[in-house]
Amino acid sequence: MTQDKLKQAVAQAAADYVAANAPEGAIIGVGTGSTANFFIDALAPLRPRYKGAVASSEATRKRLEGHGFTVFDLNDVEEIPFYVDGADEIDAGLNMIKGGGGALTREKIVAAVARKLICIADSSKVVETMGRFPLPVEVIPMARAHVARELAKLDGEPVLRAGFTTDNGNLILDVTGLAITDPKALETRINAIVGVVTNGLFALRGADVALLAGADGVKTLKR
């Protein structure tokens, strides 16, 4: 089965999970990236069941609107039962690295409002120790060099994501060379660096449910 087929399978499983567990008229949080796009496509036939959605990026907003969803500003929403998004890496504790698409800050904000965060991924994203995938760190532009020096002190190798600006007008430093044995502590430490908006570790707010697609079907893990 190709990676796209795995993504489609897990996206459909997520759409079914949300339909079975979210109340009618709910607003659904939707993430960013290729797997999230498949989830939007799978959710589209059920659009009349939902009041609308909250998007974690402008790209996601456009795709949702293309399917006829009403997309709400998060400031106008009090409750989101589920936020569904992919991951670049996920470990057995359902800690994740996200932000390969550069939407990590908005993803964290939507996740903070949601009652449950559902990670959808193919089984290749499951790792014993995170860090092989470069950890994205969103930084205020004038702090780029300072933050890079501080990240180097953590034994990381930060590289500016060339030609990329986030939806918030900031830059991304992608950090390689990390073996993340304590994701919560590292997330906290990086976020404390002056000039960092946030980093792509989702450990303080990890996934509540992970739907993982493999050759033998979709497996469900819960925190």
C-alpha atoms as a PDB file:
ATOM      1  CA  MET A   1       0.000   0.000   0.000  1.00  0.00           C
ATOM      2  CA  THR A   2       1.402   3.418  -0.976  1.00  0.00           C
ATOM      3  CA  GLN A   3       1.904   6.160   1.581  1.00  0.00           C
ATOM      4  CA  ASP A   4      -0.971   8.148   0.055  1.00  0.00           C
ATOM      5  CA  LYS A   5      -3.259   5.117   0.401  1.00  0.00           C
ATOM      6  CA  LEU A   6      -2.246   4.794   4.057  1.00  0.00           C
ATOM      7  CA  LYS A   7      -2.970   8.475   4.611  1.00  0.00           C
ATOM      8  CA  GLN A   8      -6.367   8.121   2.947  1.00  0.00           C
ATOM      9  CA  ALA A   9      -7.172   5.098   5.118  1.00  0.00           C
ATOM     10  CA  VAL A  10      -6.292   6.836   8.379  1.00  0.00           C
ATOM     11  CA  ALA A  11      -8.080  10.010   7.292  1.00  0.00           C
ATOM     12  CA  GLN A  12     -11.261   8.030   6.666  1.00  0.00           C
ATOM     13  CA  ALA A  13     -10.874   6.315  10.045  1.00  0.00           C
ATOM     14  CA  ALA A  14     -10.590   9.742  11.673  1.00  0.00           C
ATOM     15  CA  ALA A  15     -13.682  11.039   9.887  1.00  0.00           C
ATOM     16  CA  ASP A  16     -15.580   7.963  11.095  1.00  0.00           C
ATOM     17  CA  TYR A  17     -14.261   8.415  14.657  1.00  0.00           C
ATOM     18  CA  VAL A  18     -15.333  12.067  14.748  1.00  0.00           C
ATOM     19  CA  ALA A  19     -18.758  11.252  13.292  1.00  0.00           C
ATOM     20  CA  ALA A  20     -19.294   8.591  15.961  1.00  0.00           C
ATOM     21  CA  ASN A  21     -18.159  10.730  18.888  1.00  0.00           C
ATOM     22  CA  ALA A  22     -18.764  14.414  18.122  1.00  0.00           C
ATOM     23  CA  PRO A  23     -22.227  15.872  18.756  1.00  0.00           C
ATOM     24  CA  GLU A  24     -24.240  17.037  15.796  1.00  0.00           C
ATOM     25  CA  GLY A  25     -23.637  20.735  15.178  1.00  0.00           C
ATOM     26  CA  ALA A  26     -20.082  20.597  16.530  1.00  0.00           C
ATOM     27  CA  ILE A  27     -17.184  22.693  15.263  1.00  0.00           C
ATOM     28  CA  ILE A  28     -14.186  20.526  14.348  1.00  0.00           C
ATOM     29  CA  GLY A  29     -10.552  21.631  14.557  1.00  0.00           C
ATOM     30  CA  VAL A  30      -8.529  20.707  11.492  1.00  0.00           C
ATOM     31  CA  GLY A  31      -4.750  20.614  11.131  1.00  0.00           C
ATOM     32  CA  THR A  32      -2.337  21.239   8.303  1.00  0.00           C
ATOM     33  CA  GLY A  33      -0.505  19.012   5.856  1.00  0.00           C
ATOM     34  CA  SER A  34      -1.124  16.193   3.412  1.00  0.00           C
ATOM     35  CA  THR A  35      -2.775  13.817   5.896  1.00  0.00           C
ATOM     36  CA  ALA A  36      -5.000  16.605   7.221  1.00  0.00           C
ATOM     37  CA  ASN A  37      -5.983  17.372   3.636  1.00  0.00           C
ATOM     38  CA  PHE A  38      -7.147  13.780   3.178  1.00  0.00           C
ATOM     39  CA  PHE A  39      -9.112  14.142   6.429  1.00  0.00           C
ATOM     40  CA  ILE A  40     -10.869  17.232   5.054  1.00  0.00           C
ATOM     41  CA  ASP A  41     -11.785  15.291   1.926  1.00  0.00           C
ATOM     42  CA  ALA A  42     -13.126  12.403   4.032  1.00  0.00           C
ATOM     43  CA  LEU A  43     -15.079  14.780   6.265  1.00  0.00           C
ATOM     44  CA  ALA A  44     -16.667  16.637   3.344  1.00  0.00           C
ATOM     45  CA  PRO A  45     -19.572  14.198   2.729  1.00  0.00           C
ATOM     46  CA  LEU A  46     -20.572  14.694   6.391  1.00  0.00           C
ATOM     47  CA  ARG A  47     -20.440  18.496   6.199  1.00  0.00           C
ATOM     48  CA  PRO A  48     -24.182  19.051   6.929  1.00  0.00           C
ATOM     49  CA  ARG A  49     -23.689  17.279  10.275  1.00  0.00           C
ATOM     50  CA  TYR A  50     -21.278  19.960  11.539  1.00  0.00           C
ATOM     51  CA  LYS A  51     -21.657  23.657  12.224  1.00  0.00           C
ATOM     52  CA  GLY A  52     -18.233  24.266  10.737  1.00  0.00           C
ATOM     53  CA  ALA A  53     -14.529  24.058  11.418  1.00  0.00           C
ATOM     54  CA  VAL A  54     -11.529  25.921  12.781  1.00  0.00           C
ATOM     55  CA  ALA A  55      -8.410  25.847  10.601  1.00  0.00           C
ATOM     56  CA  SER A  56      -4.813  25.813  11.806  1.00  0.00           C
ATOM     57  CA  SER A  57      -3.489  27.496   8.654  1.00  0.00           C
ATOM     58  CA  GLU A  58      -4.574  29.580   5.698  1.00  0.00           C
ATOM     59  CA  ALA A  59      -4.033  26.594   3.395  1.00  0.00           C
ATOM     60  CA  THR A  60      -6.391  24.482   5.502  1.00  0.00           C
ATOM     61  CA  ARG A  61      -8.960  27.269   5.629  1.00  0.00           C
ATOM     62  CA  LYS A  62      -8.990  27.473   1.828  1.00  0.00           C
ATOM     63  CA  ARG A  63      -9.392  23.713   1.443  1.00  0.00           C
ATOM     64  CA  LEU A  64     -12.232  23.600   3.980  1.00  0.00           C
ATOM     65  CA  GLU A  65     -14.016  26.496   2.294  1.00  0.00           C
ATOM     66  CA  GLY A  66     -13.544  24.752  -1.045  1.00  0.00           C
ATOM     67  CA  HIS A  67     -15.625  21.896   0.358  1.00  0.00           C
ATOM     68  CA  GLY A  68     -18.301  24.291   1.585  1.00  0.00           C
ATOM     69  CA  PHE A  69     -17.393  24.332   5.293  1.00  0.00           C
ATOM     70  CA  THR A  70     -17.961  27.469   7.341  1.00  0.00           C
ATOM     71  CA  VAL A  71     -14.570  28.294   8.880  1.00  0.00           C
ATOM     72  CA  PHE A  72     -14.711  30.101  12.209  1.00  0.00           C
ATOM     73  CA  ASP A  73     -12.183  32.410  13.829  1.00  0.00           C
ATOM     74  CA  LEU A  74     -10.997  30.593  16.943  1.00  0.00           C
ATOM     75  CA  ASN A  75     -11.750  33.675  19.047  1.00  0.00           C
ATOM     76  CA  ASP A  76     -15.436  33.175  18.259  1.00  0.00           C
ATOM     77  CA  VAL A  77     -15.469  29.525  19.352  1.00  0.00           C
ATOM     78  CA  GLU A  78     -15.852  28.376  22.952  1.00  0.00           C
ATOM     79  CA  GLU A  79     -15.531  24.631  22.476  1.00  0.00           C
ATOM     80  CA  ILE A  80     -14.003  22.207  20.003  1.00  0.00           C
ATOM     81  CA  PRO A  81     -14.605  18.532  20.801  1.00  0.00           C
ATOM     82  CA  PHE A  82     -11.866  17.249  18.482  1.00  0.00           C
ATOM     83  CA  TYR A  83      -8.789  18.618  16.772  1.00  0.00           C
ATOM     84  CA  VAL A  84      -7.487  16.279  14.058  1.00  0.00           C
ATOM     85  CA  ASP A  85      -3.983  16.636  12.666  1.00  0.00           C
ATOM     86  CA  GLY A  86      -1.018  14.689  11.385  1.00  0.00           C
ATOM     87  CA  ALA A  87       2.438  14.299  12.901  1.00  0.00           C
ATOM     88  CA  ASP A  88       5.982  14.206  11.590  1.00  0.00           C
ATOM     89  CA  GLU A  89       6.995  11.859  14.422  1.00  0.00           C
ATOM     90  CA  ILE A  90       5.108  10.254  17.315  1.00  0.00           C
ATOM     91  CA  ASP A  91       6.405   8.079  20.154  1.00  0.00           C
ATOM     92  CA  ALA A  92       4.801   5.448  22.371  1.00  0.00           C
ATOM     93  CA  GLY A  93       3.763   8.118  24.893  1.00  0.00           C
ATOM     94  CA  LEU A  94       1.840   9.949  22.117  1.00  0.00           C
ATOM     95  CA  ASN A  95       4.287  12.848  22.223  1.00  0.00           C
ATOM     96  CA  MET A  96       4.765  14.318  18.765  1.00  0.00           C
ATOM     97  CA  ILE A  97       6.927  16.476  16.557  1.00  0.00           C
ATOM     98  CA  LYS A  98       4.772  18.608  14.296  1.00  0.00           C
ATOM     99  CA  GLY A  99       5.312  21.667  12.166  1.00  0.00           C
ATOM    100  CA  GLY A 100       6.948  20.282   9.063  1.00  0.00           C
ATOM    101  CA  GLY A 101       4.464  22.458   7.180  1.00  0.00           C
ATOM    102  CA  GLY A 102       5.308  25.480   9.326  1.00  0.00           C
ATOM    103  CA  ALA A 103       1.917  25.854  11.041  1.00  0.00           C
ATOM    104  CA  LEU A 104       3.060  24.691  14.494  1.00  0.00           C
ATOM    105  CA  THR A 105       1.996  27.788  16.455  1.00  0.00           C
ATOM    106  CA  ARG A 106      -1.557  27.850  15.158  1.00  0.00           C
ATOM    107  CA  GLU A 107      -1.727  24.075  15.535  1.00  0.00           C
ATOM    108  CA  LYS A 108      -0.789  24.398  19.213  1.00  0.00           C
ATOM    109  CA  ILE A 109      -3.378  27.117  19.755  1.00  0.00           C
ATOM    110  CA  VAL A 110      -6.198  25.062  18.261  1.00  0.00           C
ATOM    111  CA  ALA A 111      -5.020  21.982  20.177  1.00  0.00           C
ATOM    112  CA  ALA A 112      -5.143  23.989  23.418  1.00  0.00           C
ATOM    113  CA  VAL A 113      -8.847  24.712  22.901  1.00  0.00           C
ATOM    114  CA  ALA A 114      -9.842  21.200  21.813  1.00  0.00           C
ATOM    115  CA  ARG A 115     -11.077  18.649  24.336  1.00  0.00           C
ATOM    116  CA  LYS A 116      -9.240  15.888  22.481  1.00  0.00           C
ATOM    117  CA  LEU A 117      -6.326  15.943  20.047  1.00  0.00           C
ATOM    118  CA  ILE A 118      -6.434  13.128  17.502  1.00  0.00           C
ATOM    119  CA  CYS A 119      -3.199  12.352  15.688  1.00  0.00           C
ATOM    120  CA  ILE A 120      -3.544  10.701  12.285  1.00  0.00           C
ATOM    121  CA  ALA A 121      -0.462   9.219  10.670  1.00  0.00           C
ATOM    122  CA  ASP A 122       0.946   6.211   8.913  1.00  0.00           C
ATOM    123  CA  SER A 123       3.020   3.784  10.948  1.00  0.00           C
ATOM    124  CA  SER A 124       6.298   5.074   9.483  1.00  0.00           C
ATOM    125  CA  LYS A 125       5.944   8.138  11.735  1.00  0.00           C
ATOM    126  CA  VAL A 126       6.140   6.016  14.909  1.00  0.00           C
ATOM    127  CA  VAL A 127       9.599   6.215  16.513  1.00  0.00           C
ATOM    128  CA  GLU A 128      11.204   5.043  19.742  1.00  0.00           C
ATOM    129  CA  THR A 129      13.072   8.330  20.295  1.00  0.00           C
ATOM    130  CA  MET A 130      12.061  11.529  18.512  1.00  0.00           C
ATOM    131  CA  GLY A 131      14.549  13.823  16.841  1.00  0.00           C
ATOM    132  CA  ARG A 132      15.427  12.252  13.533  1.00  0.00           C
ATOM    133  CA  PHE A 133      12.861  14.555  11.940  1.00  0.00           C
ATOM    134  CA  PRO A 134      14.158  18.149  12.277  1.00  0.00           C
ATOM    135  CA  LEU A 135      12.427  19.955  15.139  1.00  0.00           C
ATOM    136  CA  PRO A 136      10.834  23.197  13.871  1.00  0.00           C
ATOM    137  CA  VAL A 137      11.129  26.300  16.041  1.00  0.00           C
ATOM    138  CA  GLU A 138       9.143  29.423  15.116  1.00  0.00           C
ATOM    139  CA  VAL A 139      11.103  32.584  15.896  1.00  0.00           C
ATOM    140  CA  ILE A 140      10.604  36.343  15.749  1.00  0.00           C
ATOM    141  CA  PRO A 141      12.764  37.508  12.799  1.00  0.00           C
ATOM    142  CA  MET A 142      15.015  39.852  14.802  1.00  0.00           C
ATOM    143  CA  ALA A 143      15.775  37.016  17.257  1.00  0.00           C
ATOM    144  CA  ARG A 144      16.824  34.462  14.638  1.00  0.00           C
ATOM    145  CA  ALA A 145      20.574  34.549  15.325  1.00  0.00           C
ATOM    146  CA  HIS A 146      20.157  34.689  19.112  1.00  0.00           C
ATOM    147  CA  VAL A 147      17.774  31.736  19.142  1.00  0.00           C
ATOM    148  CA  ALA A 148      20.063  29.759  16.833  1.00  0.00           C
ATOM    149  CA  ARG A 149      22.979  30.234  19.245  1.00  0.00           C
ATOM    150  CA  GLU A 150      20.843  29.094  22.186  1.00  0.00           C
ATOM    151  CA  LEU A 151      19.612  26.027  20.287  1.00  0.00           C
ATOM    152  CA  ALA A 152      23.209  25.102  19.472  1.00  0.00           C
ATOM    153  CA  LYS A 153      23.885  25.001  23.227  1.00  0.00           C
ATOM    154  CA  LEU A 154      21.324  22.188  23.427  1.00  0.00           C
ATOM    155  CA  ASP A 155      23.484  20.176  20.995  1.00  0.00           C
ATOM    156  CA  GLY A 156      21.127  20.925  18.133  1.00  0.00           C
ATOM    157  CA  GLU A 157      22.073  22.133  14.664  1.00  0.00           C
ATOM    158  CA  PRO A 158      19.592  24.876  13.704  1.00  0.00           C
ATOM    159  CA  VAL A 159      19.123  25.727  10.042  1.00  0.00           C
ATOM    160  CA  LEU A 160      16.962  28.561   8.744  1.00  0.00           C
ATOM    161  CA  ARG A 161      14.117  27.299   6.557  1.00  0.00           C
ATOM    162  CA  ALA A 162      15.038  29.269   3.455  1.00  0.00           C
ATOM    163  CA  GLY A 163      12.406  31.360   1.731  1.00  0.00           C
ATOM    164  CA  PHE A 164       9.691  30.465   4.242  1.00  0.00           C
ATOM    165  CA  THR A 165       7.542  32.765   6.352  1.00  0.00           C
ATOM    166  CA  THR A 166       4.824  31.485   8.678  1.00  0.00           C
ATOM    167  CA  ASP A 167       1.220  32.660   8.543  1.00  0.00           C
ATOM    168  CA  ASN A 168       2.184  34.758  11.577  1.00  0.00           C
ATOM    169  CA  GLY A 169       4.988  36.549   9.706  1.00  0.00           C
ATOM    170  CA  ASN A 170       7.806  34.714  11.493  1.00  0.00           C
ATOM    171  CA  LEU A 171      10.713  32.436  10.557  1.00  0.00           C
ATOM    172  CA  ILE A 172      11.378  28.735  11.158  1.00  0.00           C
ATOM    173  CA  LEU A 173      14.618  27.226  12.419  1.00  0.00           C
ATOM    174  CA  ASP A 174      14.759  23.471  11.780  1.00  0.00           C
ATOM    175  CA  VAL A 175      16.904  21.743  14.393  1.00  0.00           C
ATOM    176  CA  THR A 176      18.694  18.488  13.591  1.00  0.00           C
ATOM    177  CA  GLY A 177      20.992  16.345  15.702  1.00  0.00           C
ATOM    178  CA  LEU A 178      18.616  15.913  18.647  1.00  0.00           C
ATOM    179  CA  ALA A 179      17.786  12.707  20.508  1.00  0.00           C
ATOM    180  CA  ILE A 180      14.728  13.721  22.499  1.00  0.00           C
ATOM    181  CA  THR A 181      14.549  11.532  25.589  1.00  0.00           C
ATOM    182  CA  ASP A 182      12.510  13.986  27.695  1.00  0.00           C
ATOM    183  CA  PRO A 183      10.138  15.771  25.298  1.00  0.00           C
ATOM    184  CA  LYS A 184       8.247  17.733  27.963  1.00  0.00           C
ATOM    185  CA  ALA A 185      11.444  19.171  29.446  1.00  0.00           C
ATOM    186  CA  LEU A 186      12.877  20.068  26.039  1.00  0.00           C
ATOM    187  CA  GLU A 187       9.623  21.686  24.899  1.00  0.00           C
ATOM    188  CA  THR A 188       9.617  23.836  28.037  1.00  0.00           C
ATOM    189  CA  ARG A 189      13.290  24.745  27.747  1.00  0.00           C
ATOM    190  CA  ILE A 190      13.113  25.819  24.098  1.00  0.00           C
ATOM    191  CA  ASN A 191       9.934  27.823  24.654  1.00  0.00           C
ATOM    192  CA  ALA A 192      11.760  29.748  27.410  1.00  0.00           C
ATOM    193  CA  ILE A 193      14.340  31.136  24.949  1.00  0.00           C
ATOM    194  CA  VAL A 194      13.628  34.806  24.319  1.00  0.00           C
ATOM    195  CA  GLY A 195      12.457  35.266  20.736  1.00  0.00           C
ATOM    196  CA  VAL A 196      10.919  31.800  20.367  1.00  0.00           C
ATOM    197  CA  VAL A 197       7.219  31.826  19.559  1.00  0.00           C
ATOM    198  CA  THR A 198       6.911  28.066  20.099  1.00  0.00           C
ATOM    199  CA  ASN A 199       8.514  24.818  19.003  1.00  0.00           C
ATOM    200  CA  GLY A 200       7.163  21.748  17.264  1.00  0.00           C
ATOM    201  CA  LEU A 201       7.181  19.425  20.266  1.00  0.00           C
ATOM    202  CA  PHE A 202       3.667  18.460  21.296  1.00  0.00           C
ATOM    203  CA  ALA A 203       4.446  16.813  24.636  1.00  0.00           C
ATOM    204  CA  LEU A 204       2.945  19.128  27.227  1.00  0.00           C
ATOM    205  CA  ARG A 205      -0.176  18.769  25.098  1.00  0.00           C
ATOM    206  CA  GLY A 206       0.314  15.461  23.329  1.00  0.00           C
ATOM    207  CA  ALA A 207      -2.220  13.396  21.443  1.00  0.00           C
ATOM    208  CA  ASP A 208      -5.156  11.889  23.318  1.00  0.00           C
ATOM    209  CA  VAL A 209      -5.818   9.409  20.518  1.00  0.00           C
ATOM    210  CA  ALA A 210      -3.527   8.222  17.729  1.00  0.00           C
ATOM    211  CA  LEU A 211      -4.896   6.540  14.619  1.00  0.00           C
ATOM    212  CA  LEU A 212      -1.987   4.843  12.851  1.00  0.00           C
ATOM    213  CA  ALA A 213      -2.316   3.250   9.424  1.00  0.00           C
ATOM    214  CA  GLY A 214      -0.209   0.250   8.423  1.00  0.00           C
ATOM    215  CA  ALA A 215      -0.349  -2.677   6.050  1.00  0.00           C
ATOM    216  CA  ASP A 216      -2.639  -4.504   8.486  1.00  0.00           C
ATOM    217  CA  GLY A 217      -5.132  -1.648   8.844  1.00  0.00           C
ATOM    218  CA  VAL A 218      -5.614   1.291  11.193  1.00  0.00           C
ATOM    219  CA  LYS A 219      -4.551   0.854  14.821  1.00  0.00           C
ATOM    220  CA  THR A 220      -5.913   3.029  17.648  1.00  0.00           C
ATOM    221  CA  LEU A 221      -3.741   4.113  20.591  1.00  0.00           C
ATOM    222  CA  LYS A 222      -5.020   6.132  23.537  1.00  0.00           C
ATOM    223  CA  ARG A 223      -3.213   8.101  26.209  1.00  0.00           C
END
